């Protein structure tokens, strides 16, 4: 069976899951989170280790309480995203109760010099993608899954109007450069660990983390403004507040170390709004600074 056909079957299964009421979907997510903890699944182990690294000031009970909240939010967010992918974008956008900074984005687009959206893994970034696409075409940078079927699945569920998916590979820089030079919008998740040699180390929650230079290089070389954006979950149901803010000028510094330090500081600032909504199940600190003698903490 071809990867495309496998992906279509998976999309069909996702649609069946997506018809579940929100309350049922969230209870299912809570059950998954409890199972992760009980079985000490990868998600549970990685989140616990990240909390030890990023929040050493918390005592054991505080860290354990945050760990529970993170797994609960992560499981809910995963199921929530599957539902969002199978519904009309207009229905999804109705879940956004407030939008702060929409004029900043619209003005940046209207200026014609291109705009870069830095969207950390906070809240629901897939709903943010759909909101951005509702304002006009946008090129979204993504890291393709290892399986062809997984990639085909993403192409189908994220393939809403105005969204162009750009693989985070060698040719990506040229494609994104052209989009910005043509006055378009580019969306980047800036807190993914690049390959060794493709980034710079900078502090993230007090720990050196290899961080991408792609966003800062694009901003510095094209002059396109950088906006920070996130879709923050509110309450215990499917409700969100969308935020857009201008990034500090240092995010486009010609010195890549200074630019990356600024980028990480901004992502950290957003994540600290509600640490449970940040993606702590990702192995952010795998690669260590050369010559440090450190080994992977996972």
Protein backbone atom coordinates (compact mmCIF):
# COMPACT_ATOMS: atom_id res chain seq x y z
CA UNK A 1 0.00 0.00 0.00
CA UNK A 2 1.40 3.40 -0.97
CA UNK A 3 2.24 5.97 1.73
CA UNK A 4 -0.41 8.28 0.27
CA UNK A 5 -3.11 5.63 0.63
CA UNK A 6 -1.97 4.80 4.15
CA UNK A 7 -2.16 8.49 4.97
CA UNK A 8 -5.71 8.73 3.58
CA UNK A 9 -6.78 5.85 5.81
CA UNK A 10 -5.17 7.53 8.79
CA UNK A 11 -6.97 10.77 7.97
CA UNK A 12 -10.26 8.84 7.85
CA UNK A 13 -9.54 7.34 11.28
CA UNK A 14 -8.65 10.80 12.58
CA UNK A 15 -11.99 12.12 11.36
CA UNK A 16 -13.77 9.44 13.40
CA UNK A 17 -11.86 10.58 16.49
CA UNK A 18 -12.62 14.18 15.65
CA UNK A 19 -16.39 13.72 15.93
CA UNK A 20 -16.07 13.08 19.66
CA UNK A 21 -17.33 15.95 21.82
CA UNK A 22 -14.63 18.11 23.33
CA UNK A 23 -15.39 16.90 26.86
CA UNK A 24 -15.04 13.27 25.84
CA UNK A 25 -11.85 14.01 23.91
CA UNK A 26 -10.30 15.74 26.92
CA UNK A 27 -11.23 12.89 29.25
CA UNK A 28 -9.55 10.53 26.81
CA UNK A 29 -6.48 12.76 26.89
CA UNK A 30 -6.44 12.67 30.69
CA UNK A 31 -6.52 8.89 30.53
CA UNK A 32 -3.57 8.85 28.14
CA UNK A 33 -1.61 11.15 30.45
CA UNK A 34 -2.30 8.87 33.42
CA UNK A 35 -1.14 5.88 31.38
CA UNK A 36 2.08 7.68 30.45
CA UNK A 37 2.82 8.27 34.11
CA UNK A 38 1.89 4.78 35.24
CA UNK A 39 4.07 3.12 32.60
CA UNK A 40 6.83 5.73 32.79
CA UNK A 41 6.49 6.21 29.04
CA UNK A 42 8.95 8.22 26.99
CA UNK A 43 6.80 11.36 27.29
CA UNK A 44 6.83 11.07 31.07
CA UNK A 45 10.56 10.41 31.33
CA UNK A 46 11.58 13.23 28.99
CA UNK A 47 9.28 15.77 30.64
CA UNK A 48 10.55 14.86 34.10
CA UNK A 49 14.19 15.20 33.03
CA UNK A 50 13.55 18.53 31.31
CA UNK A 51 11.91 19.86 34.47
CA UNK A 52 14.92 18.81 36.54
CA UNK A 53 17.15 20.77 34.16
CA UNK A 54 14.98 23.83 33.61
CA UNK A 55 13.40 24.25 37.07
CA UNK A 56 16.05 23.22 39.62
CA UNK A 57 14.59 25.71 42.10
CA UNK A 58 11.37 23.70 42.49
CA UNK A 59 11.17 21.13 45.24
CA UNK A 60 10.21 17.55 44.42
CA UNK A 61 6.50 18.03 45.14
CA UNK A 62 6.27 21.20 43.03
CA UNK A 63 8.07 19.57 40.14
CA UNK A 64 5.85 16.50 40.33
CA UNK A 65 2.71 18.64 40.27
CA UNK A 66 3.99 20.49 37.19
CA UNK A 67 4.92 17.17 35.60
CA UNK A 68 1.31 15.97 35.98
CA UNK A 69 -0.04 19.17 34.45
CA UNK A 70 2.36 18.97 31.51
CA UNK A 71 1.42 15.41 30.61
CA UNK A 72 -2.27 16.22 30.92
CA UNK A 73 -1.95 19.29 28.70
CA UNK A 74 0.28 17.49 26.19
CA UNK A 75 -2.14 14.59 25.76
CA UNK A 76 -5.11 16.92 25.45
CA UNK A 77 -3.26 19.09 22.94
CA UNK A 78 -2.43 16.09 20.75
CA UNK A 79 -6.06 14.97 20.54
CA UNK A 80 -7.23 18.55 20.24
CA UNK A 81 -4.98 19.03 17.21
CA UNK A 82 -6.32 15.90 15.52
CA UNK A 83 -9.83 17.32 15.89
CA UNK A 84 -8.74 20.73 14.57
CA UNK A 85 -7.20 19.06 11.52
CA UNK A 86 -10.50 17.40 10.59
CA UNK A 87 -12.82 20.41 10.96
CA UNK A 88 -13.36 23.42 8.71
CA UNK A 89 -10.87 26.16 9.66
CA UNK A 90 -13.74 28.62 10.16
CA UNK A 91 -15.16 26.41 12.93
CA UNK A 92 -11.75 26.19 14.56
CA UNK A 93 -11.14 29.93 14.45
CA UNK A 94 -14.34 30.43 16.43
CA UNK A 95 -12.50 28.86 19.37
CA UNK A 96 -10.22 31.92 19.54
CA UNK A 97 -11.90 34.22 22.07
CA UNK A 98 -9.50 37.16 21.75
CA UNK A 99 -6.77 38.26 19.37
CA UNK A 100 -4.09 40.70 20.52
CA UNK A 101 -1.81 42.21 17.90
CA UNK A 102 -3.64 41.28 14.70
CA UNK A 103 -2.97 44.76 13.32
CA UNK A 104 0.78 44.20 13.69
CA UNK A 105 0.59 41.19 11.41
CA UNK A 106 -1.70 42.82 8.87
CA UNK A 107 0.46 45.94 8.73
CA UNK A 108 3.65 43.90 8.29
CA UNK A 109 2.07 42.04 5.37
CA UNK A 110 0.73 45.23 3.82
CA UNK A 111 4.19 46.84 4.00
CA UNK A 112 5.37 44.42 1.32
CA UNK A 113 8.75 43.58 2.82
CA UNK A 114 7.82 40.14 4.03
CA UNK A 115 7.22 39.03 7.61
CA UNK A 116 8.65 36.22 9.75
CA UNK A 117 6.43 34.67 12.41
CA UNK A 118 8.28 32.97 15.26
CA UNK A 119 5.84 30.55 16.88
CA UNK A 120 7.17 28.56 19.86
CA UNK A 121 5.76 25.15 20.79
CA UNK A 122 3.36 26.72 23.24
CA UNK A 123 -0.41 26.34 23.48
CA UNK A 124 -1.79 25.16 20.14
CA UNK A 125 0.48 26.20 17.29
CA UNK A 126 -1.64 24.35 14.70
CA UNK A 127 -4.60 26.62 15.46
CA UNK A 128 -2.22 29.58 15.12
CA UNK A 129 -1.25 28.28 11.67
CA UNK A 130 -4.89 28.26 10.62
CA UNK A 131 -5.41 31.81 11.88
CA UNK A 132 -2.36 33.03 9.97
CA UNK A 133 -3.59 31.27 6.82
CA UNK A 134 -6.92 33.06 7.20
CA UNK A 135 -5.04 36.37 6.68
CA UNK A 136 -3.30 35.26 3.49
CA UNK A 137 -0.71 32.82 2.09
CA UNK A 138 2.02 31.65 4.44
CA UNK A 139 4.96 29.28 4.09
CA UNK A 140 5.33 27.03 7.15
CA UNK A 141 8.69 25.43 7.87
CA UNK A 142 8.37 21.87 9.20
CA UNK A 143 10.59 18.93 10.01
CA UNK A 144 9.26 15.96 8.03
CA UNK A 145 8.63 12.70 9.90
CA UNK A 146 10.94 9.78 9.21
CA UNK A 147 8.17 7.77 7.54
CA UNK A 148 6.79 8.65 4.11
CA UNK A 149 3.31 7.86 5.40
CA UNK A 150 3.68 10.35 8.27
CA UNK A 151 4.81 13.04 5.85
CA UNK A 152 1.91 12.33 3.51
CA UNK A 153 -0.47 12.55 6.47
CA UNK A 154 0.84 16.01 7.42
CA UNK A 155 0.54 17.18 3.83
CA UNK A 156 -3.13 16.22 3.85
CA UNK A 157 -4.22 17.50 7.27
CA UNK A 158 -2.21 20.72 7.16
CA UNK A 159 -2.97 21.40 3.53
CA UNK A 160 -5.59 24.07 4.15
CA UNK A 161 -5.97 27.04 1.86
CA UNK A 162 -3.01 29.45 1.85
CA UNK A 163 -0.60 27.07 3.62
CA UNK A 164 2.57 26.00 1.88
CA UNK A 165 4.70 23.51 3.78
CA UNK A 166 8.47 23.83 3.39
CA UNK A 167 10.67 20.97 4.53
CA UNK A 168 13.44 22.03 6.94
CA UNK A 169 16.19 20.89 4.61
CA UNK A 170 18.96 22.42 2.52
CA UNK A 171 16.68 23.99 -0.08
CA UNK A 172 14.48 25.60 2.58
CA UNK A 173 16.60 28.75 2.91
CA UNK A 174 16.30 29.58 -0.79
CA UNK A 175 12.55 28.97 -0.79
CA UNK A 176 11.98 31.10 2.31
CA UNK A 177 14.24 33.83 1.00
CA UNK A 178 12.12 34.08 -2.14
CA UNK A 179 8.85 34.15 -0.16
CA UNK A 180 10.13 37.06 1.95
CA UNK A 181 11.58 38.93 -1.02
CA UNK A 182 8.17 38.64 -2.69
CA UNK A 183 6.56 40.22 0.38
CA UNK A 184 5.11 37.01 1.78
CA UNK A 185 4.88 35.48 5.23
CA UNK A 186 7.03 32.73 6.70
CA UNK A 187 6.18 30.78 9.86
CA UNK A 188 8.93 29.08 11.87
CA UNK A 189 8.84 27.02 15.05
CA UNK A 190 12.08 28.41 16.49
CA UNK A 191 12.68 26.07 19.42
CA UNK A 192 13.56 22.84 17.64
CA UNK A 193 17.10 21.53 18.02
CA UNK A 194 18.95 21.72 14.67
CA UNK A 195 21.54 19.25 13.49
CA UNK A 196 25.02 19.48 14.96
CA UNK A 197 26.88 22.29 13.22
CA UNK A 198 23.72 24.02 12.01
CA UNK A 199 23.12 26.30 14.98
CA UNK A 200 24.59 28.07 17.98
CA UNK A 201 24.49 27.26 21.67
CA UNK A 202 22.67 29.71 23.91
CA UNK A 203 20.98 29.52 27.32
CA UNK A 204 17.42 28.20 27.47
CA UNK A 205 16.03 28.06 31.00
CA UNK A 206 19.60 28.35 32.23
CA UNK A 207 20.90 25.39 30.23
CA UNK A 208 22.98 25.67 27.05
CA UNK A 209 20.85 24.47 24.12
CA UNK A 210 21.79 24.13 20.46
CA UNK A 211 19.44 26.56 18.72
CA UNK A 212 18.58 27.42 15.16
CA UNK A 213 20.13 30.37 13.37
CA UNK A 214 17.78 30.10 10.35
CA UNK A 215 15.23 32.60 11.64
CA UNK A 216 17.78 35.21 12.65
CA UNK A 217 19.75 34.86 9.41
CA UNK A 218 16.61 35.35 7.34
CA UNK A 219 15.64 38.42 9.36
CA UNK A 220 19.12 39.95 9.20
CA UNK A 221 19.60 39.37 5.48
CA UNK A 222 16.13 40.28 4.23
CA UNK A 223 15.20 43.01 6.70
CA UNK A 224 11.81 41.35 7.21
CA UNK A 225 10.29 42.11 10.63
CA UNK A 226 9.97 39.25 13.13
CA UNK A 227 6.75 38.81 15.08
CA UNK A 228 6.34 36.44 18.01
CA UNK A 229 3.02 34.61 17.99
CA UNK A 230 1.28 32.02 20.12
CA UNK A 231 -2.21 30.66 20.70
CA UNK A 232 -2.64 30.27 24.46
CA UNK A 233 -5.20 27.92 25.94
CA UNK A 234 -7.60 29.46 28.48
CA UNK A 235 -9.86 27.71 30.95
CA UNK A 236 -10.51 23.99 30.94
CA UNK A 237 -12.27 23.81 27.59
CA UNK A 238 -11.46 24.53 23.96
CA UNK A 239 -10.86 28.25 24.24
CA UNK A 240 -7.82 30.29 23.20
CA UNK A 241 -6.33 33.76 23.20
CA UNK A 242 -4.02 34.56 20.29
CA UNK A 243 -1.07 36.89 20.85
CA UNK A 244 1.19 38.65 18.34
CA UNK A 245 4.07 40.84 19.50
CA UNK A 246 7.09 42.44 17.82
CA UNK A 247 10.36 40.67 18.52
CA UNK A 248 13.28 42.68 19.94
CA UNK A 249 15.69 44.02 17.27
CA UNK A 250 18.47 41.82 18.66
CA UNK A 251 16.75 38.78 17.21
CA UNK A 252 18.20 39.87 13.83
CA UNK A 253 21.67 40.72 15.16
CA UNK A 254 24.51 40.07 12.74
CA UNK A 255 26.27 38.16 15.53
CA UNK A 256 24.56 34.75 15.48
CA UNK A 257 25.30 34.10 19.14
CA UNK A 258 23.61 37.33 20.19
CA UNK A 259 20.66 36.68 17.88
CA UNK A 260 20.12 33.15 19.17
CA UNK A 261 20.43 34.30 22.79
CA UNK A 262 17.66 36.84 22.13
CA UNK A 263 15.49 34.24 20.39
CA UNK A 264 15.81 31.75 23.26
CA UNK A 265 15.08 34.44 25.83
CA UNK A 266 11.84 35.33 24.04
CA UNK A 267 10.73 31.70 23.74
CA UNK A 268 11.49 31.22 27.44
CA UNK A 269 9.49 34.32 28.32
CA UNK A 270 6.46 32.97 26.49
CA UNK A 271 6.84 29.47 27.95
CA UNK A 272 6.97 30.88 31.49
CA UNK A 273 3.48 32.34 31.05
CA UNK A 274 2.20 28.83 31.74
CA UNK A 275 4.94 26.16 31.72
CA UNK A 276 2.35 23.38 31.45
CA UNK A 277 1.46 24.58 27.95
CA UNK A 278 5.02 24.27 26.66
CA UNK A 279 6.31 21.15 24.86
CA UNK A 280 8.49 19.62 27.58
CA UNK A 281 8.19 16.12 26.10
CA UNK A 282 10.78 17.08 23.46
CA UNK A 283 14.48 16.27 24.02
CA UNK A 284 15.64 19.87 23.79
CA UNK A 285 19.08 19.40 25.34
CA UNK A 286 20.35 16.27 23.57
CA UNK A 287 23.40 17.84 21.91
CA UNK A 288 25.97 19.38 24.24
CA UNK A 289 28.54 22.16 23.63
CA UNK A 290 31.74 20.88 22.01
CA UNK A 291 34.55 20.49 24.50
CA UNK A 292 32.24 20.76 27.49
CA UNK A 293 32.65 17.13 28.45
CA UNK A 294 28.89 16.94 28.99
CA UNK A 295 26.90 13.92 27.86
CA UNK A 296 23.28 13.89 26.77
CA UNK A 297 21.09 14.29 29.85
CA UNK A 298 18.51 11.83 28.57
